[in-house]
N, C-alpha and C. Protein backbone atom coordinates (compact mmCIF):
# COMPACT_ATOMS: atom_id res chain seq x y z
N MET A 1 1.03 -1.51 0.15
CA MET A 1 0.08 -0.14 0.06
C MET A 1 1.15 1.34 -0.17
N ASP A 2 0.78 2.16 -0.51
CA ASP A 2 1.30 3.32 -0.93
C ASP A 2 0.44 4.49 0.42
N SER A 3 0.84 5.87 0.38
CA SER A 3 0.63 6.60 1.17
C SER A 3 -1.09 7.28 0.57
N ALA A 4 -1.04 6.93 -0.34
CA ALA A 4 -2.49 7.59 -0.71
C ALA A 4 -3.33 6.52 0.15
N ASP A 5 -3.23 5.39 -0.22
CA ASP A 5 -4.06 4.36 0.66
C ASP A 5 -3.92 4.22 2.25
N THR A 6 -3.31 4.74 2.75
CA THR A 6 -3.35 4.94 4.40
C THR A 6 -4.22 6.46 4.51
N LYS A 7 -4.09 7.15 3.45
CA LYS A 7 -4.87 8.53 3.71
C LYS A 7 -6.47 7.83 3.56
N ILE A 8 -6.77 7.24 2.74
CA ILE A 8 -8.32 6.70 2.21
C ILE A 8 -8.27 6.01 3.46
N ILE A 9 -7.49 5.06 3.90
CA ILE A 9 -8.38 4.50 5.39
C ILE A 9 -8.87 5.25 6.22
N GLY A 10 -7.78 6.50 6.48
CA GLY A 10 -8.17 7.42 7.65
C GLY A 10 -9.53 7.76 7.19
N GLU A 11 -9.51 8.47 5.90
CA GLU A 11 -10.96 8.94 5.53
C GLU A 11 -11.89 7.80 5.54
N ILE A 12 -11.96 6.72 4.99
CA ILE A 12 -13.46 5.84 5.45
C ILE A 12 -13.12 5.41 7.02
N THR A 13 -12.19 5.43 7.65
CA THR A 13 -12.55 5.18 9.38
C THR A 13 -13.40 6.45 9.85
N SER A 14 -13.40 7.69 9.39
CA SER A 14 -14.33 8.84 9.64
C SER A 14 -15.43 8.79 9.38
N LEU A 15 -15.65 8.11 8.15
CA LEU A 15 -17.20 7.78 7.78
C LEU A 15 -17.51 6.73 8.53
N ALA A 16 -16.75 6.03 8.46
CA ALA A 16 -17.31 4.41 9.41
C ALA A 16 -17.88 4.90 10.64
N LEU A 17 -17.36 5.97 11.33
CA LEU A 17 -18.03 6.27 12.58
C LEU A 17 -19.27 6.68 12.74
N GLN A 18 -19.78 7.42 11.60
CA GLN A 18 -21.22 7.99 11.41
C GLN A 18 -22.13 7.12 10.72
N LEU A 19 -21.84 5.37 10.79
CA LEU A 19 -22.95 4.56 10.18
C LEU A 19 -23.74 4.29 11.68
N PRO A 20 -24.74 3.48 11.11
CA PRO A 20 -25.22 2.73 12.28
C PRO A 20 -24.40 1.92 13.03
N GLU A 21 -24.87 1.68 14.38
CA GLU A 21 -24.17 0.71 15.09
C GLU A 21 -23.37 -0.67 14.25
N GLU A 22 -24.41 -1.44 13.94
CA GLU A 22 -24.03 -2.71 12.95
C GLU A 22 -23.33 -2.68 12.03
N GLN A 23 -23.46 -1.55 11.05
CA GLN A 23 -22.59 -1.58 9.97
C GLN A 23 -20.99 -0.93 10.34
N LYS A 24 -21.40 0.09 11.23
CA LYS A 24 -19.94 0.66 11.92
C LYS A 24 -19.30 -0.35 12.72
N SER A 25 -19.61 -1.74 12.81
CA SER A 25 -18.90 -2.53 13.38
C SER A 25 -18.43 -3.40 12.27
N GLN A 26 -18.94 -3.65 11.32
CA GLN A 26 -18.65 -4.33 10.32
C GLN A 26 -17.49 -3.85 9.35
N LEU A 27 -17.75 -2.14 8.98
CA LEU A 27 -16.78 -1.63 8.56
C LEU A 27 -15.58 -1.38 9.24
N LEU A 28 -15.39 -1.01 10.41
CA LEU A 28 -14.09 -0.82 11.27
C LEU A 28 -13.48 -2.13 11.16
N ALA A 29 -14.23 -3.39 11.49
CA ALA A 29 -13.46 -4.82 11.46
C ALA A 29 -12.43 -5.15 10.39
N LEU A 30 -13.38 -4.58 9.15
CA LEU A 30 -12.78 -4.80 7.84
C LEU A 30 -11.33 -3.36 7.61
N ILE A 31 -11.71 -2.27 8.16
CA ILE A 31 -10.56 -1.37 8.31
C ILE A 31 -9.16 -2.19 8.76
N SER A 32 -9.53 -2.81 9.90
CA SER A 32 -8.72 -3.06 10.91
C SER A 32 -7.62 -4.29 9.88
N GLU A 33 -8.64 -4.92 9.47
CA GLU A 33 -7.66 -6.08 8.61
C GLU A 33 -6.69 -5.12 7.42
N TRP A 34 -7.44 -3.98 7.02
CA TRP A 34 -6.57 -3.35 5.74
C TRP A 34 -5.19 -2.94 6.50
N LYS A 35 -5.41 -2.30 7.98
CA LYS A 35 -4.64 -1.70 8.38
C LYS A 35 -3.45 -2.49 8.58
N LYS A 36 -3.79 -3.77 9.10
CA LYS A 36 -3.06 -4.72 9.26
C LYS A 36 -1.87 -5.46 8.05
N ASN A 37 -2.85 -5.16 6.90
CA ASN A 37 -1.90 -5.29 5.68
C ASN A 37 -1.34 -4.42 5.27
N ALA A 38 -1.44 -3.25 5.90
CA ALA A 38 -0.64 -2.00 4.97
C ALA A 38 0.98 -2.34 5.53
N ARG A 39 1.20 -2.57 6.28
CA ARG A 39 2.80 -2.78 6.98
C ARG A 39 3.14 -3.58 5.85
N ARG A 40 4.43 -3.05 5.30
CA ARG A 40 4.99 -3.74 4.19
C ARG A 40 6.51 -4.28 4.84
N ALA A 41 7.02 -3.93 5.84
CA ALA A 41 8.40 -4.17 6.40
C ALA A 41 7.79 -4.59 7.86
N GLN A 42 9.01 -5.57 8.53
CA GLN A 42 8.95 -5.78 9.69
C GLN A 42 9.25 -4.95 10.87
N ARG A 43 8.96 -4.19 11.97
CA ARG A 43 9.20 -3.45 12.56
C ARG A 43 10.02 -4.29 13.62
N GLU A 44 11.16 -3.61 14.16
CA GLU A 44 12.02 -4.05 15.01
C GLU A 44 12.21 -2.98 15.86
N LYS A 45 12.67 -3.48 17.10
CA LYS A 45 13.00 -2.22 18.17
C LYS A 45 14.19 -1.47 18.00
N TYR A 46 14.02 -0.20 18.28
CA TYR A 46 15.29 0.38 17.97
C TYR A 46 14.96 1.62 18.69
N THR A 47 15.95 1.85 19.84
CA THR A 47 15.53 2.75 20.78
C THR A 47 17.08 3.65 20.93
N GLU A 48 17.00 4.64 20.22
CA GLU A 48 18.20 5.31 19.78
C GLU A 48 17.98 6.72 20.17
N LEU A 49 18.80 7.71 20.84
CA LEU A 49 18.56 8.77 20.58
C LEU A 49 18.75 9.75 19.24
N LEU A 50 17.99 10.18 18.64
CA LEU A 50 18.44 11.17 17.67
C LEU A 50 18.39 12.44 17.39
N ASN A 51 18.79 13.20 16.44
CA ASN A 51 18.48 14.59 16.12
C ASN A 51 18.51 14.20 14.56
N PHE A 52 17.29 14.73 14.41
CA PHE A 52 16.94 15.06 12.84
C PHE A 52 16.44 16.58 12.59
N SER A 53 16.63 16.69 10.80
CA SER A 53 15.96 17.90 10.97
C SER A 53 15.08 18.22 9.74
N SER A 54 14.32 19.33 9.62
CA SER A 54 13.31 19.66 9.03
C SER A 54 13.46 21.05 8.51
N LYS A 55 12.62 21.67 7.86
CA LYS A 55 12.78 23.01 7.13
C LYS A 55 12.51 24.34 8.98
N ASN A 56 12.09 23.53 9.56
CA ASN A 56 11.53 24.08 10.87
C ASN A 56 13.12 23.94 12.17
N GLY A 57 13.90 23.20 11.65
CA GLY A 57 15.23 23.25 12.34
C GLY A 57 15.55 21.87 12.72
N THR A 58 16.47 21.94 13.81
CA THR A 58 16.97 20.46 14.82
C THR A 58 15.79 20.22 15.34
N HIS A 59 15.70 18.79 15.35
CA HIS A 59 14.84 18.25 16.66
C HIS A 59 15.53 17.17 17.35
N TYR A 60 15.18 16.97 18.55
CA TYR A 60 15.75 15.73 19.27
C TYR A 60 14.67 15.10 19.63
N GLY A 61 14.83 13.57 19.45
CA GLY A 61 14.17 12.54 19.70
C GLY A 61 14.74 11.22 20.23
N HIS A 62 13.86 10.26 20.48
CA HIS A 62 14.27 8.77 20.94
C HIS A 62 13.34 7.71 20.14
N ALA A 63 14.22 7.13 19.12
CA ALA A 63 13.66 6.31 18.27
C ALA A 63 12.91 5.24 19.13
N ARG A 64 11.91 4.57 18.99
CA ARG A 64 10.94 3.48 19.44
C ARG A 64 11.41 2.41 18.88
N ASP A 65 10.91 2.50 17.31
CA ASP A 65 10.94 1.41 16.44
C ASP A 65 11.62 1.59 15.27
N ILE A 66 11.85 0.56 14.28
CA ILE A 66 11.99 1.02 12.94
C ILE A 66 11.78 0.07 11.69
N SER A 67 11.74 0.17 10.84
CA SER A 67 11.49 -0.61 9.67
C SER A 67 11.97 -0.35 8.35
N ALA A 68 12.22 -1.14 7.45
CA ALA A 68 13.20 -0.71 6.35
C ALA A 68 12.29 0.46 5.76
N THR A 69 11.13 0.75 5.97
CA THR A 69 9.86 1.53 5.49
C THR A 69 9.92 2.56 6.28
N GLY A 70 10.10 2.69 7.39
CA GLY A 70 9.96 4.18 8.35
C GLY A 70 10.27 3.62 9.84
N VAL A 71 9.99 4.82 10.24
CA VAL A 71 10.67 4.65 12.11
C VAL A 71 9.75 5.64 12.90
N PHE A 72 9.36 5.34 13.98
CA PHE A 72 8.88 6.01 15.19
C PHE A 72 9.71 6.93 16.05
N ILE A 73 9.37 8.11 15.97
CA ILE A 73 10.48 8.82 16.93
C ILE A 73 9.61 9.51 17.93
N GLU A 74 9.69 9.05 19.40
CA GLU A 74 9.25 9.94 20.65
C GLU A 74 10.01 11.51 20.31
N SER A 75 9.09 12.40 20.18
CA SER A 75 9.52 13.91 20.26
C SER A 75 8.35 14.54 20.41
N LYS A 76 8.76 15.72 21.00
CA LYS A 76 7.67 16.93 21.75
C LYS A 76 7.77 18.02 20.96
N GLY A 77 8.55 17.95 19.63
CA GLY A 77 8.33 19.06 18.62
C GLY A 77 6.87 19.37 17.99
N GLU A 78 6.94 20.36 17.42
CA GLU A 78 5.64 20.53 16.97
C GLU A 78 5.89 20.23 15.20
N PHE A 79 5.11 19.12 14.85
CA PHE A 79 5.16 18.74 13.20
C PHE A 79 3.97 18.59 12.54
N LYS A 80 4.01 18.56 11.51
CA LYS A 80 2.85 18.76 10.43
C LYS A 80 2.45 17.46 9.57
N MET A 81 1.65 16.79 9.08
CA MET A 81 1.69 15.64 8.44
C MET A 81 2.15 16.18 7.09
N GLY A 82 2.78 15.61 6.52
CA GLY A 82 3.69 16.10 5.20
C GLY A 82 4.60 16.37 5.46
N GLU A 83 4.95 16.69 6.50
CA GLU A 83 6.51 17.42 6.91
C GLU A 83 7.56 16.68 6.31
N ARG A 84 8.49 17.12 5.60
CA ARG A 84 9.66 16.26 5.47
C ARG A 84 10.91 16.40 6.32
N VAL A 85 11.43 15.46 6.70
CA VAL A 85 12.93 15.14 7.55
C VAL A 85 13.52 14.29 6.81
N GLN A 86 14.98 15.04 7.47
CA GLN A 86 16.23 14.29 7.26
C GLN A 86 17.21 13.60 8.84
N LEU A 87 17.11 12.37 8.58
CA LEU A 87 17.68 11.44 9.47
C LEU A 87 19.07 10.83 9.10
N ILE A 88 19.93 10.76 10.33
CA ILE A 88 21.18 10.16 10.08
C ILE A 88 21.01 8.90 11.48
N LEU A 89 20.93 7.76 10.93
CA LEU A 89 20.92 6.59 11.95
C LEU A 89 22.18 5.84 12.07
N ALA A 90 22.52 5.60 13.12
CA ALA A 90 23.64 4.43 13.64
C ALA A 90 23.04 3.49 14.03
N PHE A 91 23.65 2.28 13.04
CA PHE A 91 23.50 1.03 13.65
C PHE A 91 24.64 0.17 14.11
N ILE A 92 24.72 -0.62 15.25
CA ILE A 92 26.00 -1.18 15.44
C ILE A 92 26.22 -2.24 14.29
N SER A 93 25.47 -2.88 13.42
CA SER A 93 25.66 -3.83 12.35
C SER A 93 26.16 -3.01 11.45
N ALA A 94 26.29 -1.62 11.32
CA ALA A 94 26.89 -1.18 9.72
C ALA A 94 27.82 0.00 10.31
N LEU A 95 28.86 -0.06 9.51
CA LEU A 95 30.10 0.69 9.82
C LEU A 95 29.84 2.26 9.59
N ASN A 96 29.02 2.35 8.63
CA ASN A 96 28.74 4.09 8.27
C ASN A 96 27.35 4.30 8.72
N PRO A 97 27.27 5.60 9.31
CA PRO A 97 25.41 5.80 9.73
C PRO A 97 24.97 6.10 8.08
N VAL A 98 23.54 5.71 8.08
CA VAL A 98 22.63 5.44 7.36
C VAL A 98 21.66 6.98 6.95
N LYS A 99 22.07 7.62 6.05
CA LYS A 99 21.35 9.01 5.83
C LYS A 99 19.87 8.47 5.48
N LEU A 100 18.86 9.07 5.31
CA LEU A 100 17.56 8.89 5.19
C LEU A 100 16.78 10.02 5.09
N GLU A 101 15.63 10.06 4.08
CA GLU A 101 14.90 11.17 4.39
C GLU A 101 13.48 10.58 4.26
N GLY A 102 12.48 11.18 4.91
CA GLY A 102 11.11 10.66 4.63
C GLY A 102 10.00 11.97 5.18
N THR A 103 9.03 11.46 5.39
CA THR A 103 7.73 12.35 5.80
C THR A 103 7.13 12.05 6.81
N VAL A 104 6.59 12.84 7.43
CA VAL A 104 6.04 12.80 8.66
C VAL A 104 4.51 12.21 7.80
N VAL A 105 4.15 10.95 8.45
CA VAL A 105 2.91 10.62 8.04
C VAL A 105 1.57 9.94 9.27
N ARG A 106 2.44 9.91 10.82
CA ARG A 106 1.56 9.98 11.82
C ARG A 106 1.82 10.78 12.71
N ILE A 107 0.88 11.46 13.54
CA ILE A 107 1.53 12.29 14.78
C ILE A 107 0.42 11.71 15.82
N THR A 108 1.31 11.50 16.86
CA THR A 108 0.70 11.36 18.42
C THR A 108 1.26 11.96 19.29
N ALA A 109 0.80 11.80 20.57
CA ALA A 109 1.07 12.74 21.54
C ALA A 109 2.63 12.29 22.29
N GLN A 110 2.79 11.05 21.75
CA GLN A 110 4.14 10.76 21.79
C GLN A 110 5.09 10.94 21.00
N GLY A 111 4.80 11.26 19.83
CA GLY A 111 5.83 11.42 18.36
C GLY A 111 5.10 11.58 17.18
N ILE A 112 6.18 11.21 16.46
CA ILE A 112 5.90 10.88 14.71
C ILE A 112 5.94 9.96 14.07
N GLY A 113 5.62 9.51 13.45
CA GLY A 113 6.04 8.19 12.56
C GLY A 113 6.23 8.80 11.38
N VAL A 114 7.45 8.47 10.63
CA VAL A 114 8.28 9.02 9.45
C VAL A 114 8.49 7.76 8.50
N ARG A 115 7.54 7.72 7.37
CA ARG A 115 7.99 7.12 5.95
C ARG A 115 9.00 7.39 5.44
N PHE A 116 10.05 6.34 5.23
CA PHE A 116 11.14 6.94 4.20
C PHE A 116 10.49 7.41 3.17
N ASP A 117 11.58 8.13 2.19
CA ASP A 117 11.28 7.98 0.86
C ASP A 117 11.34 6.83 0.24
N ASN A 118 10.84 6.89 -0.99
CA ASN A 118 10.38 5.70 -1.79
C ASN A 118 11.73 5.28 -2.28
N ARG A 119 12.01 3.86 -1.94
CA ARG A 119 13.41 3.42 -2.33
C ARG A 119 13.22 2.30 -3.00
N SER A 120 14.36 1.73 -3.57
CA SER A 120 14.40 0.76 -4.89
C SER A 120 14.11 -0.59 -3.94
N GLN A 121 13.81 -1.47 -4.10
CA GLN A 121 14.02 -2.77 -3.52
C GLN A 121 14.94 -3.22 -3.19
N SER A 122 16.25 -2.79 -3.66
CA SER A 122 17.43 -3.30 -3.27
C SER A 122 17.83 -2.44 -2.09
N GLN A 123 17.33 -1.23 -2.20
CA GLN A 123 17.92 -0.29 -1.18
C GLN A 123 17.12 -0.77 0.08
N ILE A 124 15.85 -1.08 0.06
CA ILE A 124 14.96 -1.48 1.09
C ILE A 124 15.46 -3.15 1.82
N LYS A 125 16.04 -3.96 0.70
CA LYS A 125 16.49 -5.18 1.18
C LYS A 125 17.83 -5.10 2.30
N HIS A 126 18.41 -4.03 1.71
CA HIS A 126 19.94 -3.74 2.49
C HIS A 126 19.69 -3.31 3.43
N LEU A 127 18.62 -1.71 3.84
CA LEU A 127 18.39 -1.49 4.89
C LEU A 127 17.65 -2.77 5.94
N ASP A 128 16.80 -3.55 5.38
CA ASP A 128 16.19 -4.50 6.00
C ASP A 128 17.47 -5.18 6.77
N SER A 129 18.24 -5.32 5.88
CA SER A 129 19.18 -6.56 6.49
C SER A 129 19.96 -5.75 7.68
N ILE A 130 20.54 -4.48 7.60
CA ILE A 130 21.01 -3.59 8.64
C ILE A 130 19.96 -3.62 10.09
N ILE A 131 18.97 -3.40 9.76
CA ILE A 131 17.77 -3.52 10.80
C ILE A 131 18.07 -4.91 11.55
N SER A 132 17.71 -6.09 10.61
CA SER A 132 17.71 -7.69 11.41
C SER A 132 19.14 -7.60 11.84
N LYS A 133 20.57 -7.49 11.44
CA LYS A 133 21.61 -7.63 12.27
C LYS A 133 21.49 -6.83 13.47
N HIS A 134 21.06 -5.59 13.51
CA HIS A 134 21.20 -4.74 14.81
C HIS A 134 20.31 -5.19 15.97
N ALA A 135 19.19 -5.60 15.36
CA ALA A 135 17.94 -6.31 16.14
C ALA A 135 18.74 -7.38 16.93
N LEU A 136 19.37 -8.78 15.98
CA LEU A 136 20.03 -9.47 16.47
C LEU A 136 21.11 -9.38 17.77
N ILE A 137 22.02 -8.39 17.36
CA ILE A 137 22.95 -8.32 18.03
C ILE A 137 22.51 -7.62 19.61
N MET A 138 21.25 -6.46 19.39
CA MET A 138 20.59 -5.91 20.63
C MET A 138 20.14 -7.29 21.43
N ARG A 139 19.63 -7.96 21.09
CA ARG A 139 18.66 -9.20 21.56
C ARG A 139 19.68 -9.98 22.33
N GLN A 140 21.08 -10.46 21.66
CA GLN A 140 22.21 -11.06 22.26
C GLN A 140 22.48 -10.49 23.44
N GLY A 141 22.92 -9.37 23.40
CA GLY A 141 23.19 -8.33 24.67
C GLY A 141 22.10 -8.23 25.90
N SER A 142 21.08 -8.45 25.67
CA SER A 142 20.07 -8.77 26.87
C SER A 142 20.30 -9.43 27.91
């Protein structure tokens, strides 16, 4: 699924809440399945302090989890949906930090979800490999 699909799912959810109870329950159950299928990459725990930037300056946060397609950052900064951010992520499993750009696609009281820019399948596989190795090293250290 791409970002348009996520936006459409949100709009359909808003409409579902206006339906009579039986139809609302049915549609919300269906939407729940769509959301489960929307995740394109496995999330891994990634608890790193990071700074990142946007057109509004430098921000600080604490990453909570990551996948080859995005990251959730706990941050109290002010962000807008669609805002572009630049990140530099360090992994134990990679010699060099990984530079990524993405878009804010989720905002909660705890922070922001950032979807990385469209990347080629080989880039996604490479990042997924780095994340998987990082997660394995972190589990062994626990």
